[in-house]
Amino acid sequence: MQKKEICLKQVQEPIIFPNIAPTFLTDDTMNMRKTKLLDRMKAENFDVLVIYADKEHGSNFEYLTGFIPRFEEGLLVAESSGKCTAILGNENLKLAPFRAHELS
């Protein structure tokens, strides 16, 4: 195995953007996102849409729930009726109450 020398050095501080307003996940925002999803499902003639998520692939799940499964996989099942179900493993159950919006 080849040995490499580790060199520690100072780096520049990361650039921050203090004048950019945060996006708050209000009920109106989350309802709009869900409505857009349901409208698209209707246009594409989908009865059910299943969205997979894990730590590295959670953006679609987060967009609709405000929550990323951090420790194991999760599924979001969206029905054309508007009913949504999150399927989470034991590691995520304690985090689900902190999601931004009720799913149904």
C-alpha atoms as a PDB file:
ATOM      1  CA  MET A   1       0.000   0.000   0.000  1.00  0.00           C
ATOM      2  CA  GLN A   2       1.325   3.412  -0.936  1.00  0.00           C
ATOM      3  CA  LYS A   3       1.705   5.914   1.900  1.00  0.00           C
ATOM      4  CA  LYS A   4       0.744   9.520   1.263  1.00  0.00           C
ATOM      5  CA  GLU A   5       1.657  12.494   3.368  1.00  0.00           C
ATOM      6  CA  ILE A   6      -1.257  14.446   4.846  1.00  0.00           C
ATOM      7  CA  CYS A   7      -0.823  18.209   4.778  1.00  0.00           C
ATOM      8  CA  LEU A   8      -3.073  20.481   6.797  1.00  0.00           C
ATOM      9  CA  LYS A   9      -3.567  24.017   5.576  1.00  0.00           C
ATOM     10  CA  GLN A  10      -5.922  26.919   6.014  1.00  0.00           C
ATOM     11  CA  VAL A  11      -8.692  27.330   3.460  1.00  0.00           C
ATOM     12  CA  GLN A  12     -10.930  30.253   2.639  1.00  0.00           C
ATOM     13  CA  GLU A  13     -14.197  30.533   4.494  1.00  0.00           C
ATOM     14  CA  PRO A  14     -17.174  29.422   2.425  1.00  0.00           C
ATOM     15  CA  ILE A  15     -19.191  32.117   0.699  1.00  0.00           C
ATOM     16  CA  ILE A  16     -22.461  32.844   2.464  1.00  0.00           C
ATOM     17  CA  PHE A  17     -25.463  34.619   1.041  1.00  0.00           C
ATOM     18  CA  PRO A  18     -27.104  36.523   3.907  1.00  0.00           C
ATOM     19  CA  ASN A  19     -29.442  38.531   1.649  1.00  0.00           C
ATOM     20  CA  ILE A  20     -31.192  35.481   0.169  1.00  0.00           C
ATOM     21  CA  ALA A  21     -34.553  34.890   1.809  1.00  0.00           C
ATOM     22  CA  PRO A  22     -35.213  31.333   2.999  1.00  0.00           C
ATOM     23  CA  THR A  23     -38.089  29.308   1.569  1.00  0.00           C
ATOM     24  CA  PHE A  24     -40.555  28.500   4.320  1.00  0.00           C
ATOM     25  CA  LEU A  25     -42.532  25.321   3.894  1.00  0.00           C
ATOM     26  CA  THR A  26     -45.932  26.693   4.770  1.00  0.00           C
ATOM     27  CA  ASP A  27     -49.159  24.743   4.366  1.00  0.00           C
ATOM     28  CA  ASP A  28     -49.893  26.859   1.282  1.00  0.00           C
ATOM     29  CA  THR A  29     -46.547  25.914  -0.278  1.00  0.00           C
ATOM     30  CA  MET A  30     -46.996  22.227   0.477  1.00  0.00           C
ATOM     31  CA  ASN A  31     -50.606  22.225  -0.767  1.00  0.00           C
ATOM     32  CA  MET A  32     -49.497  23.910  -3.998  1.00  0.00           C
ATOM     33  CA  ARG A  33     -46.826  21.241  -4.528  1.00  0.00           C
ATOM     34  CA  LYS A  34     -49.310  18.457  -3.905  1.00  0.00           C
ATOM     35  CA  THR A  35     -51.849  20.041  -6.257  1.00  0.00           C
ATOM     36  CA  LYS A  36     -49.196  20.305  -8.985  1.00  0.00           C
ATOM     37  CA  LEU A  37     -48.350  16.627  -8.506  1.00  0.00           C
ATOM     38  CA  LEU A  38     -52.009  15.548  -8.636  1.00  0.00           C
ATOM     39  CA  ASP A  39     -52.647  17.676 -11.730  1.00  0.00           C
ATOM     40  CA  ARG A  40     -49.661  16.098 -13.483  1.00  0.00           C
ATOM     41  CA  MET A  41     -50.755  12.604 -12.443  1.00  0.00           C
ATOM     42  CA  LYS A  42     -54.173  13.306 -13.939  1.00  0.00           C
ATOM     43  CA  ALA A  43     -52.635  14.643 -17.167  1.00  0.00           C
ATOM     44  CA  GLU A  44     -50.454  11.531 -17.475  1.00  0.00           C
ATOM     45  CA  ASN A  45     -53.346   9.226 -16.470  1.00  0.00           C
ATOM     46  CA  PHE A  46     -51.588   7.850 -13.367  1.00  0.00           C
ATOM     47  CA  ASP A  47     -53.718   6.390 -10.593  1.00  0.00           C
ATOM     48  CA  VAL A  48     -50.809   5.914  -8.183  1.00  0.00           C
ATOM     49  CA  LEU A  49     -47.286   7.299  -8.034  1.00  0.00           C
ATOM     50  CA  VAL A  50     -44.594   5.778  -5.801  1.00  0.00           C
ATOM     51  CA  ILE A  51     -41.620   7.972  -4.894  1.00  0.00           C
ATOM     52  CA  TYR A  52     -38.518   6.282  -3.492  1.00  0.00           C
ATOM     53  CA  ALA A  53     -36.158   8.083  -1.134  1.00  0.00           C
ATOM     54  CA  ASP A  54     -32.974   7.526   0.808  1.00  0.00           C
ATOM     55  CA  LYS A  55     -30.287   9.847   2.122  1.00  0.00           C
ATOM     56  CA  GLU A  56     -28.722  10.361  -1.307  1.00  0.00           C
ATOM     57  CA  HIS A  57     -31.947  10.321  -3.350  1.00  0.00           C
ATOM     58  CA  GLY A  58     -34.494  12.180  -1.285  1.00  0.00           C
ATOM     59  CA  SER A  59     -35.236  15.450  -3.080  1.00  0.00           C
ATOM     60  CA  ASN A  60     -38.553  14.422  -4.673  1.00  0.00           C
ATOM     61  CA  PHE A  61     -39.739  12.946  -1.382  1.00  0.00           C
ATOM     62  CA  GLU A  62     -38.632  16.069   0.491  1.00  0.00           C
ATOM     63  CA  TYR A  63     -40.317  18.366  -2.050  1.00  0.00           C
ATOM     64  CA  LEU A  64     -43.666  16.762  -1.248  1.00  0.00           C
ATOM     65  CA  THR A  65     -43.245  16.108   2.486  1.00  0.00           C
ATOM     66  CA  GLY A  66     -40.570  18.494   3.795  1.00  0.00           C
ATOM     67  CA  PHE A  67     -38.760  15.454   5.192  1.00  0.00           C
ATOM     68  CA  ILE A  68     -35.834  13.306   3.954  1.00  0.00           C
ATOM     69  CA  PRO A  69     -35.449   9.728   5.202  1.00  0.00           C
ATOM     70  CA  ARG A  70     -31.959  10.024   6.663  1.00  0.00           C
ATOM     71  CA  PHE A  71     -31.098   6.566   7.915  1.00  0.00           C
ATOM     72  CA  GLU A  72     -32.902   4.129   5.650  1.00  0.00           C
ATOM     73  CA  GLU A  73     -35.175   4.063   2.653  1.00  0.00           C
ATOM     74  CA  GLY A  74     -38.695   5.406   2.478  1.00  0.00           C
ATOM     75  CA  LEU A  75     -41.571   5.424   0.017  1.00  0.00           C
ATOM     76  CA  LEU A  76     -44.255   7.998  -0.618  1.00  0.00           C
ATOM     77  CA  VAL A  77     -47.356   6.563  -2.258  1.00  0.00           C
ATOM     78  CA  ALA A  78     -49.517   9.274  -3.838  1.00  0.00           C
ATOM     79  CA  GLU A  79     -52.963   8.321  -5.105  1.00  0.00           C
ATOM     80  CA  SER A  80     -54.922  10.327  -7.673  1.00  0.00           C
ATOM     81  CA  SER A  81     -57.622  10.787  -5.021  1.00  0.00           C
ATOM     82  CA  GLY A  82     -55.144  12.940  -3.066  1.00  0.00           C
ATOM     83  CA  LYS A  83     -54.470  10.357  -0.380  1.00  0.00           C
ATOM     84  CA  CYS A  84     -50.758   9.994   0.359  1.00  0.00           C
ATOM     85  CA  THR A  85     -49.018   7.393   2.483  1.00  0.00           C
ATOM     86  CA  ALA A  86     -45.407   7.456   3.712  1.00  0.00           C
ATOM     87  CA  ILE A  87     -43.862   4.038   4.226  1.00  0.00           C
ATOM     88  CA  LEU A  88     -40.918   4.388   6.593  1.00  0.00           C
ATOM     89  CA  GLY A  89     -38.642   2.020   8.458  1.00  0.00           C
ATOM     90  CA  ASN A  90     -38.113   2.045  12.198  1.00  0.00           C
ATOM     91  CA  GLU A  91     -35.163   4.457  11.974  1.00  0.00           C
ATOM     92  CA  ASN A  92     -37.379   7.121  10.371  1.00  0.00           C
ATOM     93  CA  LEU A  93     -40.522   6.755  12.452  1.00  0.00           C
ATOM     94  CA  LYS A  94     -39.207   9.053  15.177  1.00  0.00           C
ATOM     95  CA  LEU A  95     -38.508  11.776  12.579  1.00  0.00           C
ATOM     96  CA  ALA A  96     -41.833  11.625  10.716  1.00  0.00           C
ATOM     97  CA  PRO A  97     -43.663  13.891  13.210  1.00  0.00           C
ATOM     98  CA  PHE A  98     -41.278  16.699  12.203  1.00  0.00           C
ATOM     99  CA  ARG A  99     -42.311  16.696   8.530  1.00  0.00           C
ATOM    100  CA  ALA A 100     -43.524  20.001   7.152  1.00  0.00           C
ATOM    101  CA  HIS A 101     -47.049  18.919   6.257  1.00  0.00           C
ATOM    102  CA  GLU A 102     -49.684  16.268   6.813  1.00  0.00           C
ATOM    103  CA  LEU A 103     -49.668  13.870   3.875  1.00  0.00           C
ATOM    104  CA  SER A 104     -53.398  13.299   3.483  1.00  0.00           C
END
